[in-house]
Amino acid sequence: MTDGFERNDMNNTNNMNNENEQVQNSFSTAGNSQTDTSANANGYNAGSSYTSSYDAQQNAYNSYYNYANGANNMGANNIHVAPGANKPPKKNGKGALVAGIIAAALVVGGGAGFAGTVLGNSINATIPFASSSDGTSQGESDDSGSESTIAAPSTTLNTSNTTTAAPLDESKINDSSNSTLLNAEELYEKVKNTVVLVYNYQRQTGYAEPVKYGSGSGVVFTSDGYVITNAHVVEGADKMTVVAPDYKDPDTTKEYEATVVGSDTYSDLAVLKISRDDPFEYATLGDSDTVRVGQDVCVLGNPKQLLNSLTKGIVSGLGRASASNSAYGTSTIQIDAAINSGNSGGGLFDMYGNVIGIIDYKLVSNTSASIDNIGFAITINEAKPVINDLMTKGYVTNRPGLGINGEEISEYSAYMQGLESGGVYVTYISEDMPVAKSGLKVGDIISKVNGTAVTSVTDIQNIIAELNIGDTVELTVYRAGATGRYTTKTINVELAEIELS
């Protein structure tokens, strides 16, 4: 798969080869009326819902409030025994009353699913009928005609604080060697100021200045303000900003204008630079080669702009494919910790406080089948050389390439032209690369590279990515003659460094 391997960090989805799965990137987009809703190169749409931190919390509260106050018509079916009601039934009426209450509970339970079950259990728990030692039931009158009453529930709420939170171990949190195992609370305190909110501003019709288009997360990894994030977070930006904690008062934040130092779509990594007189608190990049399946991890980011949101899970798998599924991409770590729109570019931390991955994407379902808790983070050890190149060169170095552009020729098109197989139709040849002197021509159709059949540019890249700059590859091509008939030729091409973005 290429970039069409569905990536939707902007709350959109593209079809994958498996029609029941989608890849959803975790980049949150703003949705003002002027936003362009056409798909861009990352496979996400502009115009998805934008939610501020306050609105997100308010909506969550309202959703619960509506549910708890009749959204599922639970209130209409509730059963309530009022204090001081008419006298309770005699012994001979007990069976009818119990049967009626149980029947009502079953109706509610059957119709309302889990909530109904909870309601049914509550009813059973509050029905004041329990066997007594003399064979009668508590809360029921015996044959002597005595009556019982149902006690009223307490109308007061105990608001006194009886416990206090245990203080965190500051020595563990402040361990600069990251050699101390932390719990989630300690980890959060240790790294909370190293993960930042990243805003993507883009020009929109009717606005003189770029407006907020979307948001993601980033990890500060140097004291002078270098930030790691995803390439799809910065894609198409006319302006970037980073919201980071203030140096003197970390409980407040400031928005800093950011420069895109470099971006690489193949690895889906980008580096930003922010500046101020005071240093930035930064995270330690760990060693992802030590990561094991089953170990605890935490994700820190800004889903839906909810600053510094922490989720916890385990490592579910290692060596998974990147979103681009390109040979120039990186492997990923599969996790079950929750990630959502806005988490893209955030940190995946081990329980010592080390960054072991950069959050990238998750799988979602485009059918009624459920796909939950399948997220992926770019492996930090494979990200490190990419980050270093982006910081120092602005692009990723040491990538061998042919220096051509091409388009796929389908098997059907090949058959209609009398060819044995499909391939890649050459549309452009770089004059600055060795391929310009190889004899390859625009219009040639590459069918094999080093004897391996190819049908797409990605197929060619996957073969070449395993080779080195200066190596020679053998291309098998179809070339049309003056009469339109194709002949097969073999051409040798030396690989050279190419700049991919």
Protein backbone atom coordinates (compact mmCIF):
# COMPACT_ATOMS: atom_id res chain seq x y z
CA MET A 1 0.00 0.00 0.00
CA THR A 2 1.07 3.56 -0.60
CA ASP A 3 -0.33 6.78 0.86
CA GLY A 4 -3.78 5.42 0.01
CA PHE A 5 -3.30 3.08 2.96
CA GLU A 6 -5.98 4.86 4.74
CA ARG A 7 -4.83 7.66 6.93
CA ASN A 8 -7.30 9.97 8.55
CA ASP A 9 -5.90 12.19 11.21
CA MET A 10 -8.32 14.85 10.25
CA ASN A 11 -11.33 12.81 11.35
CA ASN A 12 -11.70 11.29 7.88
CA THR A 13 -11.10 7.85 6.47
CA ASN A 14 -9.91 6.38 3.19
CA ASN A 15 -10.48 2.83 2.01
CA MET A 16 -7.80 0.28 2.73
CA ASN A 17 -7.18 -2.94 0.88
CA ASN A 18 -9.29 -4.53 3.59
CA GLU A 19 -12.66 -2.87 3.15
CA ASN A 20 -13.55 -3.51 6.78
CA GLU A 21 -10.60 -1.58 8.16
CA GLN A 22 -9.49 2.01 7.96
CA VAL A 23 -6.46 3.82 9.18
CA GLN A 24 -7.26 6.93 11.10
CA ASN A 25 -4.58 9.40 11.93
CA SER A 26 -5.04 11.36 15.09
CA PHE A 27 -4.90 14.92 13.78
CA SER A 28 -7.89 17.06 14.72
CA THR A 29 -9.23 19.63 12.25
CA ALA A 30 -11.10 22.86 12.72
CA GLY A 31 -14.40 23.22 10.94
CA ASN A 32 -15.27 26.80 10.12
CA SER A 33 -17.60 27.51 7.26
CA GLN A 34 -14.82 28.68 4.98
CA THR A 35 -12.81 25.48 5.26
CA ASP A 36 -12.00 23.68 2.03
CA THR A 37 -13.60 20.25 2.24
CA SER A 38 -11.68 18.67 -0.62
CA ALA A 39 -9.31 15.81 0.15
CA ASN A 40 -5.64 16.67 0.31
CA ALA A 41 -2.53 14.60 -0.21
CA ASN A 42 -2.70 13.08 3.26
CA GLY A 43 -6.08 11.54 2.66
CA TYR A 44 -7.95 13.60 5.22
CA ASN A 45 -10.67 16.15 4.76
CA ALA A 46 -10.75 19.69 5.96
CA GLY A 47 -13.96 20.64 7.60
CA SER A 48 -14.23 18.04 10.33
CA SER A 49 -15.58 19.09 13.66
CA TYR A 50 -13.48 21.39 15.75
CA THR A 51 -13.94 21.16 19.50
CA SER A 52 -12.33 23.32 22.14
CA SER A 53 -11.27 21.84 25.45
CA TYR A 54 -14.22 23.50 27.21
CA ASP A 55 -16.72 22.43 24.57
CA ALA A 56 -15.46 18.87 24.61
CA GLN A 57 -15.88 18.65 28.37
CA GLN A 58 -19.27 20.37 28.24
CA ASN A 59 -20.50 18.02 25.51
CA ALA A 60 -19.36 15.02 27.52
CA TYR A 61 -21.24 16.37 30.55
CA ASN A 62 -24.35 17.07 28.50
CA SER A 63 -24.26 13.58 26.99
CA TYR A 64 -24.18 12.03 30.43
CA TYR A 65 -26.80 14.44 31.73
CA ASN A 66 -29.16 13.62 28.87
CA TYR A 67 -28.64 9.90 29.35
CA ALA A 68 -29.19 10.07 33.09
CA ASN A 69 -32.30 12.21 32.70
CA GLY A 70 -34.42 10.25 30.32
CA ALA A 71 -32.46 9.97 27.07
CA ASN A 72 -33.27 6.27 27.16
CA ASN A 73 -36.65 6.78 28.82
CA MET A 74 -35.32 5.21 31.95
CA GLY A 75 -37.14 7.67 34.20
CA ALA A 76 -40.55 6.62 32.95
CA ASN A 77 -39.93 3.01 33.97
CA ASN A 78 -38.32 3.70 37.30
CA ILE A 79 -39.88 2.08 40.35
CA HIS A 80 -39.98 4.11 43.54
CA VAL A 81 -41.42 3.28 46.94
CA ALA A 82 -42.27 6.57 48.58
CA PRO A 83 -41.56 7.06 52.29
CA GLY A 84 -44.72 7.11 54.33
CA ALA A 85 -46.83 5.56 51.60
CA ASN A 86 -50.03 3.65 52.25
CA LYS A 87 -49.66 0.79 54.63
CA PRO A 88 -47.76 -2.19 53.25
CA PRO A 89 -49.57 -5.30 52.07
CA LYS A 90 -50.62 -8.12 54.30
CA LYS A 91 -48.88 -11.45 54.12
CA ASN A 92 -51.39 -12.85 51.64
CA GLY A 93 -50.57 -10.01 49.20
CA LYS A 94 -46.81 -10.44 49.22
CA GLY A 95 -46.62 -12.72 46.21
CA ALA A 96 -48.52 -10.37 43.95
CA LEU A 97 -46.42 -7.37 44.94
CA VAL A 98 -43.11 -9.16 44.47
CA ALA A 99 -44.22 -10.63 41.17
CA GLY A 100 -45.30 -7.21 39.95
CA ILE A 101 -42.01 -5.59 40.89
CA ILE A 102 -39.95 -8.39 39.34
CA ALA A 103 -42.03 -8.26 36.16
CA ALA A 104 -41.50 -4.51 35.94
CA ALA A 105 -37.79 -4.97 36.48
CA LEU A 106 -37.61 -7.59 33.74
CA VAL A 107 -39.44 -5.35 31.31
CA VAL A 108 -37.09 -2.48 32.01
CA GLY A 109 -34.05 -4.72 31.99
CA GLY A 110 -34.99 -6.40 28.75
CA GLY A 111 -35.69 -3.15 26.99
CA ALA A 112 -32.79 -1.06 28.19
CA GLY A 113 -29.83 -3.41 28.05
CA PHE A 114 -27.09 -2.76 30.56
CA ALA A 115 -28.81 0.23 32.13
CA GLY A 116 -31.92 -1.85 32.56
CA THR A 117 -29.90 -4.59 34.20
CA VAL A 118 -28.44 -2.11 36.61
CA LEU A 119 -31.91 -0.80 37.36
CA GLY A 120 -33.17 -4.30 37.91
CA ASN A 121 -30.36 -5.02 40.32
CA SER A 122 -31.06 -1.79 42.15
CA ILE A 123 -34.68 -2.79 42.53
CA ASN A 124 -33.75 -6.19 43.91
CA ALA A 125 -31.32 -4.58 46.30
CA THR A 126 -33.86 -2.12 47.64
CA ILE A 127 -36.89 -4.40 47.94
CA PRO A 128 -37.30 -4.81 51.73
CA PHE A 129 -38.21 -8.48 51.72
CA ALA A 130 -35.71 -10.83 53.37
CA SER A 131 -36.46 -14.05 55.19
CA SER A 132 -36.58 -13.82 58.97
CA SER A 133 -35.96 -16.58 61.47
CA ASP A 134 -39.62 -17.07 62.26
CA GLY A 135 -40.63 -17.82 58.71
CA THR A 136 -42.17 -14.42 58.02
CA SER A 137 -40.60 -11.68 55.97
CA GLN A 138 -39.15 -8.43 57.21
CA GLY A 139 -41.26 -5.43 56.27
CA GLU A 140 -44.41 -7.56 56.14
CA SER A 141 -47.30 -7.85 58.59
CA ASP A 142 -48.10 -11.21 60.16
CA ASP A 143 -51.52 -12.73 60.87
CA SER A 144 -51.82 -10.73 64.09
CA GLY A 145 -52.49 -7.63 62.01
CA SER A 146 -49.38 -5.66 62.99
CA GLU A 147 -48.03 -3.36 60.33
CA SER A 148 -44.52 -2.47 59.22
CA THR A 149 -43.18 0.70 57.68
CA ILE A 150 -40.49 1.37 55.09
CA ALA A 151 -37.80 3.69 56.38
CA ALA A 152 -37.19 6.86 54.41
CA PRO A 153 -33.79 7.18 52.76
CA SER A 154 -31.36 9.66 54.19
CA THR A 155 -31.72 13.13 52.68
CA THR A 156 -28.26 14.35 53.68
CA LEU A 157 -24.96 13.76 51.91
CA ASN A 158 -21.75 13.33 53.84
CA THR A 159 -19.42 15.89 52.29
CA SER A 160 -16.57 15.59 54.75
CA ASN A 161 -13.16 14.63 53.37
CA THR A 162 -11.92 11.61 55.27
CA THR A 163 -8.80 10.87 53.23
CA THR A 164 -6.07 12.76 51.42
CA ALA A 165 -4.04 11.71 48.39
CA ALA A 166 -0.68 10.19 49.23
CA PRO A 167 2.19 12.47 48.18
CA LEU A 168 4.17 11.42 45.12
CA ASP A 169 7.78 10.38 45.44
CA GLU A 170 9.64 13.42 44.13
CA SER A 171 12.96 11.55 44.06
CA LYS A 172 11.53 9.11 41.51
CA ILE A 173 9.98 11.86 39.41
CA ASN A 174 13.19 13.91 39.39
CA ASP A 175 15.47 10.98 38.54
CA SER A 176 17.34 12.38 35.53
CA SER A 177 18.76 8.97 34.64
CA ASN A 178 15.26 7.56 34.02
CA SER A 179 16.31 4.38 35.80
CA THR A 180 13.40 4.30 38.27
CA LEU A 181 10.18 2.45 37.46
CA LEU A 182 7.21 4.80 37.81
CA ASN A 183 3.49 4.39 38.18
CA ALA A 184 1.17 6.35 35.90
CA GLU A 185 0.78 9.25 38.35
CA GLU A 186 4.53 9.65 38.74
CA LEU A 187 5.11 9.31 35.01
CA TYR A 188 2.59 12.05 34.28
CA GLU A 189 4.26 14.45 36.68
CA LYS A 190 7.65 13.66 35.16
CA VAL A 191 6.79 14.21 31.48
CA LYS A 192 3.65 16.39 31.41
CA ASN A 193 5.53 19.54 30.37
CA THR A 194 7.39 17.86 27.50
CA VAL A 195 4.36 17.19 25.28
CA VAL A 196 2.88 20.22 23.52
CA LEU A 197 -0.16 21.21 21.49
CA VAL A 198 0.57 21.91 17.81
CA TYR A 199 -1.67 24.14 15.65
CA ASN A 200 -1.78 24.08 11.85
CA TYR A 201 -2.93 27.40 10.32
CA GLN A 202 -3.96 27.59 6.66
CA ARG A 203 -5.23 30.33 4.38
CA GLN A 204 -8.98 30.29 3.84
CA THR A 205 -11.20 32.27 1.49
CA GLY A 206 -12.44 35.43 3.14
CA TYR A 207 -9.65 35.71 5.70
CA ALA A 208 -6.66 38.01 5.41
CA GLU A 209 -4.52 35.83 7.66
CA PRO A 210 -4.21 32.04 8.00
CA VAL A 211 -6.78 30.53 10.37
CA LYS A 212 -6.59 27.48 12.61
CA TYR A 213 -7.11 24.45 10.40
CA GLY A 214 -6.29 21.62 12.76
CA SER A 215 -4.34 20.50 15.78
CA GLY A 216 -2.07 17.70 16.88
CA SER A 217 0.59 16.98 19.45
CA GLY A 218 4.36 17.16 19.61
CA VAL A 219 7.24 16.12 21.85
CA VAL A 220 9.90 18.64 22.87
CA PHE A 221 13.24 16.81 22.77
CA THR A 222 15.82 19.59 23.25
CA SER A 223 16.04 22.44 25.73
CA ASP A 224 16.31 24.97 22.88
CA GLY A 225 12.90 24.08 21.47
CA TYR A 226 13.11 21.34 18.83
CA VAL A 227 9.80 19.46 18.62
CA ILE A 228 8.97 16.11 17.00
CA THR A 229 5.54 15.68 15.43
CA ASN A 230 3.95 13.97 12.41
CA ALA A 231 4.35 15.10 8.82
CA HIS A 232 0.58 14.98 8.36
CA VAL A 233 0.19 17.43 11.27
CA VAL A 234 2.20 20.09 9.40
CA GLU A 235 0.94 19.20 5.91
CA GLY A 236 -0.30 22.22 3.95
CA ALA A 237 0.38 24.70 6.75
CA ASP A 238 0.89 28.39 6.03
CA LYS A 239 1.73 28.92 9.68
CA MET A 240 2.52 26.64 12.64
CA THR A 241 2.32 27.39 16.34
CA VAL A 242 3.09 25.39 19.47
CA VAL A 243 1.36 25.79 22.84
CA ALA A 244 3.88 25.00 25.58
CA PRO A 245 4.10 25.52 29.36
CA ASP A 246 5.53 28.82 30.53
CA TYR A 247 9.01 28.49 32.03
CA LYS A 248 8.34 30.51 35.18
CA ASP A 249 4.79 29.25 35.68
CA PRO A 250 4.37 25.78 34.11
CA ASP A 251 0.69 25.71 35.05
CA THR A 252 0.05 28.36 32.38
CA THR A 253 0.76 28.04 28.66
CA LYS A 254 1.92 30.30 25.86
CA GLU A 255 1.53 29.97 22.10
CA TYR A 256 4.82 30.21 20.20
CA GLU A 257 5.18 30.58 16.45
CA ALA A 258 7.01 27.57 15.04
CA THR A 259 9.24 26.96 12.03
CA VAL A 260 9.00 23.71 10.08
CA VAL A 261 12.64 22.61 9.98
CA GLY A 262 11.92 19.54 7.89
CA SER A 263 9.13 17.10 7.04
CA ASP A 264 9.16 13.59 5.57
CA THR A 265 5.91 11.98 4.43
CA TYR A 266 7.44 8.51 4.02
CA SER A 267 8.24 8.19 7.72
CA ASP A 268 5.41 10.61 8.64
CA LEU A 269 7.79 12.61 10.82
CA ALA A 270 8.43 16.34 11.03
CA VAL A 271 10.61 18.61 13.16
CA LEU A 272 9.51 22.04 14.39
CA LYS A 273 11.55 24.75 16.11
CA ILE A 274 10.24 27.20 18.71
CA SER A 275 12.30 29.81 20.53
CA ARG A 276 12.35 31.82 23.75
CA ASP A 277 14.98 33.14 26.15
CA ASP A 278 14.24 30.49 28.79
CA PRO A 279 14.90 26.78 28.17
CA PHE A 280 12.15 24.27 27.44
CA GLU A 281 11.53 21.16 29.49
CA TYR A 282 12.24 18.22 27.20
CA ALA A 283 11.71 14.48 27.03
CA THR A 284 14.36 11.76 26.88
CA LEU A 285 14.35 9.64 23.70
CA GLY A 286 14.61 6.03 24.82
CA ASP A 287 15.63 2.72 23.25
CA SER A 288 12.74 1.03 21.47
CA ASP A 289 14.82 -2.11 20.87
CA THR A 290 14.23 -2.98 24.54
CA VAL A 291 10.43 -2.84 24.20
CA ARG A 292 8.58 -6.12 24.74
CA VAL A 293 5.04 -7.21 23.97
CA GLY A 294 2.93 -6.96 27.09
CA GLN A 295 4.84 -4.21 28.85
CA ASP A 296 2.98 -1.21 30.25
CA VAL A 297 3.10 2.06 28.31
CA CYS A 298 1.43 5.46 28.48
CA VAL A 299 0.33 7.88 25.77
CA LEU A 300 0.45 11.62 26.42
CA GLY A 301 -1.09 14.06 23.97
CA ASN A 302 -3.89 16.51 23.26
CA PRO A 303 -6.92 14.67 21.84
CA LYS A 304 -9.59 17.18 20.82
CA GLN A 305 -7.30 19.84 22.33
CA LEU A 306 -7.75 18.42 25.82
CA LEU A 307 -4.29 19.36 27.02
CA ASN A 308 -1.99 16.74 28.53
CA SER A 309 -4.41 13.81 28.35
CA LEU A 310 -2.86 10.58 29.58
CA THR A 311 -3.99 7.09 28.61
CA LYS A 312 -2.43 3.79 29.61
CA GLY A 313 -2.18 0.39 27.99
CA ILE A 314 0.23 -2.31 26.93
CA VAL A 315 2.36 -3.06 23.90
CA SER A 316 0.24 -5.33 21.69
CA GLY A 317 2.73 -5.99 18.91
CA LEU A 318 6.08 -5.01 17.43
CA GLY A 319 7.38 -4.51 13.89
CA ARG A 320 4.06 -3.40 12.44
CA ALA A 321 3.90 -1.48 9.15
CA SER A 322 3.96 2.30 8.89
CA ALA A 323 0.93 4.21 7.66
CA SER A 324 2.55 4.73 4.25
CA ASN A 325 3.60 1.06 4.12
CA SER A 326 6.62 2.23 2.13
CA ALA A 327 10.09 0.76 2.28
CA TYR A 328 11.28 4.27 3.14
CA GLY A 329 8.95 4.30 6.14
CA THR A 330 9.56 3.04 9.65
CA SER A 331 8.19 0.15 11.65
CA THR A 332 5.60 0.85 14.33
CA ILE A 333 4.66 -0.34 17.81
CA GLN A 334 1.08 -1.55 18.21
CA ILE A 335 -0.63 -0.48 21.43
CA ASP A 336 -4.05 -0.79 23.03
CA ALA A 337 -3.95 2.56 24.86
CA ALA A 338 -6.67 4.92 23.66
CA ILE A 339 -5.65 7.44 20.98
CA ASN A 340 -7.96 9.93 19.29
CA SER A 341 -7.96 12.94 16.98
CA GLY A 342 -5.31 15.33 18.24
CA ASN A 343 -2.99 12.61 19.61
CA SER A 344 -0.90 12.54 16.42
CA GLY A 345 2.71 13.46 17.14
CA GLY A 346 2.36 12.84 20.86
CA GLY A 347 4.61 10.64 22.94
CA LEU A 348 4.48 6.93 23.68
CA PHE A 349 6.34 6.53 26.98
CA ASP A 350 7.69 3.52 28.81
CA MET A 351 7.17 3.48 32.56
CA TYR A 352 10.58 5.00 33.18
CA GLY A 353 9.69 8.23 31.39
CA ASN A 354 11.46 7.53 28.08
CA VAL A 355 9.89 8.23 24.68
CA ILE A 356 9.79 4.91 22.82
CA GLY A 357 7.49 5.98 20.00
CA ILE A 358 5.68 8.87 18.29
CA ILE A 359 1.90 8.37 18.02
CA ASP A 360 0.88 8.05 14.37
CA TYR A 361 -2.43 6.35 13.53
CA LYS A 362 -5.06 3.82 14.55
CA LEU A 363 -7.36 1.34 12.83
CA VAL A 364 -11.08 2.03 12.68
CA SER A 365 -13.95 0.16 11.07
CA ASN A 366 -15.99 1.39 8.13
CA THR A 367 -18.64 -1.26 8.71
CA SER A 368 -20.78 -2.27 11.66
CA ALA A 369 -17.96 -4.53 12.82
CA SER A 370 -16.09 -3.05 15.75
CA ILE A 371 -12.34 -2.35 15.79
CA ASP A 372 -11.16 -1.04 19.13
CA ASN A 373 -7.83 -0.16 20.71
CA ILE A 374 -5.54 -0.85 17.76
CA GLY A 375 -3.15 2.09 17.63
CA PHE A 376 0.37 2.54 16.29
CA ALA A 377 3.39 4.61 17.23
CA ILE A 378 6.50 5.19 15.09
CA THR A 379 9.44 3.29 16.59
CA ILE A 380 11.77 5.85 18.15
CA ASN A 381 15.02 4.08 17.20
CA GLU A 382 14.05 4.21 13.52
CA ALA A 383 12.82 7.77 13.93
CA LYS A 384 16.11 9.06 15.39
CA PRO A 385 18.15 9.13 12.14
CA VAL A 386 15.19 10.71 10.32
CA ILE A 387 14.91 13.37 13.02
CA ASN A 388 18.64 14.06 12.89
CA ASP A 389 18.56 14.47 9.10
CA LEU A 390 15.56 16.77 9.25
CA MET A 391 17.30 18.91 11.87
CA THR A 392 20.59 19.18 10.00
CA LYS A 393 19.64 18.84 6.30
CA GLY A 394 15.94 19.51 6.11
CA TYR A 395 15.38 16.17 4.35
CA VAL A 396 16.26 12.52 4.88
CA THR A 397 19.65 11.55 3.44
CA ASN A 398 21.09 8.29 2.08
CA ARG A 399 17.98 7.20 0.25
CA PRO A 400 18.90 5.57 -3.07
CA GLY A 401 16.72 6.16 -6.11
CA LEU A 402 16.48 6.00 -9.86
CA GLY A 403 15.53 9.65 -10.46
CA ILE A 404 12.37 9.00 -12.43
CA ASN A 405 8.63 9.52 -12.14
CA GLY A 406 6.14 6.99 -13.41
CA GLU A 407 2.54 5.85 -13.59
CA GLU A 408 1.10 2.39 -13.17
CA ILE A 409 0.05 0.41 -16.24
CA SER A 410 -2.67 -2.06 -15.30
CA GLU A 411 -2.71 -5.66 -16.47
CA TYR A 412 -5.75 -4.86 -18.59
CA SER A 413 -4.08 -1.88 -20.27
CA ALA A 414 -0.99 -4.00 -20.88
CA TYR A 415 -3.12 -6.75 -22.43
CA MET A 416 -4.86 -4.27 -24.74
CA GLN A 417 -1.44 -3.09 -25.94
CA GLY A 418 -0.22 -6.62 -26.53
CA LEU A 419 2.17 -6.71 -23.55
CA GLU A 420 2.82 -9.75 -21.41
CA SER A 421 2.40 -7.88 -18.13
CA GLY A 422 1.76 -4.47 -16.58
CA GLY A 423 4.43 -2.18 -15.22
CA VAL A 424 5.40 1.45 -14.61
CA TYR A 425 5.18 3.94 -17.48
CA VAL A 426 8.10 6.41 -17.27
CA THR A 427 6.84 10.01 -17.35
CA TYR A 428 9.95 11.94 -16.24
CA ILE A 429 13.72 11.41 -16.08
CA SER A 430 15.96 13.67 -13.97
CA GLU A 431 18.82 15.20 -15.95
CA ASP A 432 20.92 15.44 -12.79
CA MET A 433 20.90 11.70 -12.07
CA PRO A 434 22.89 8.85 -13.66
CA VAL A 435 19.66 7.51 -15.16
CA ALA A 436 19.79 10.35 -17.71
CA LYS A 437 22.79 8.65 -19.36
CA SER A 438 21.52 5.07 -19.03
CA GLY A 439 19.44 4.94 -22.21
CA LEU A 440 16.09 4.84 -20.40
CA LYS A 441 13.49 7.01 -22.17
CA VAL A 442 10.22 8.69 -21.28
CA GLY A 443 7.49 6.34 -22.54
CA ASP A 444 9.34 3.16 -21.60
CA ILE A 445 7.38 0.73 -19.43
CA ILE A 446 9.43 -0.86 -16.62
CA SER A 447 8.21 -4.41 -16.08
CA LYS A 448 11.03 -5.81 -13.91
CA VAL A 449 13.77 -4.58 -11.56
CA ASN A 450 16.63 -7.02 -11.03
CA GLY A 451 14.39 -9.75 -12.40
CA THR A 452 11.47 -9.03 -10.05
CA ALA A 453 8.16 -8.04 -11.65
CA VAL A 454 6.87 -4.59 -10.70
CA THR A 455 3.46 -3.02 -11.24
CA SER A 456 3.74 0.23 -9.26
CA VAL A 457 6.20 2.92 -8.15
CA THR A 458 5.98 1.47 -4.64
CA ASP A 459 7.14 -1.91 -5.95
CA ILE A 460 10.21 -0.24 -7.44
CA GLN A 461 10.89 1.71 -4.24
CA ASN A 462 10.64 -1.40 -2.10
CA ILE A 463 13.36 -3.09 -4.16
CA ILE A 464 15.64 -0.08 -4.38
CA ALA A 465 15.32 0.79 -0.68
CA GLU A 466 17.19 -2.42 0.16
CA LEU A 467 20.16 -1.32 -1.96
CA ASN A 468 22.82 1.36 -1.58
CA ILE A 469 23.74 4.56 -3.34
CA GLY A 470 26.13 3.64 -6.18
CA ASP A 471 24.64 0.18 -6.75
CA THR A 472 23.50 -0.73 -10.26
CA VAL A 473 20.07 -2.16 -11.00
CA GLU A 474 18.88 -3.97 -14.11
CA LEU A 475 15.63 -2.70 -15.60
CA THR A 476 13.55 -4.76 -18.00
CA VAL A 477 11.45 -2.40 -20.12
CA TYR A 478 8.95 -2.44 -22.95
CA ARG A 479 9.64 0.16 -25.64
CA ALA A 480 7.30 1.10 -28.48
CA GLY A 481 8.81 1.18 -31.97
CA ALA A 482 7.90 3.36 -34.92
CA THR A 483 5.08 0.98 -35.86
CA GLY A 484 3.70 0.99 -32.32
CA ARG A 485 4.85 -2.54 -31.56
CA TYR A 486 6.71 -3.08 -28.30
CA THR A 487 10.09 -4.71 -27.90
CA THR A 488 11.81 -5.76 -24.69
CA LYS A 489 15.08 -4.14 -23.64
CA THR A 490 17.43 -4.44 -20.66
CA ILE A 491 18.92 -1.24 -19.21
CA ASN A 492 21.38 -0.84 -16.32
CA VAL A 493 21.00 2.22 -14.08
CA GLU A 494 23.26 3.43 -11.26
CA LEU A 495 21.41 4.47 -8.10
CA ALA A 496 22.00 7.93 -6.63
CA GLU A 497 20.79 9.80 -3.56
CA ILE A 498 17.35 11.28 -3.96
CA GLU A 499 15.61 13.86 -1.84
CA LEU A 500 12.17 12.67 -0.82
CA SER A 501 9.74 14.75 1.24
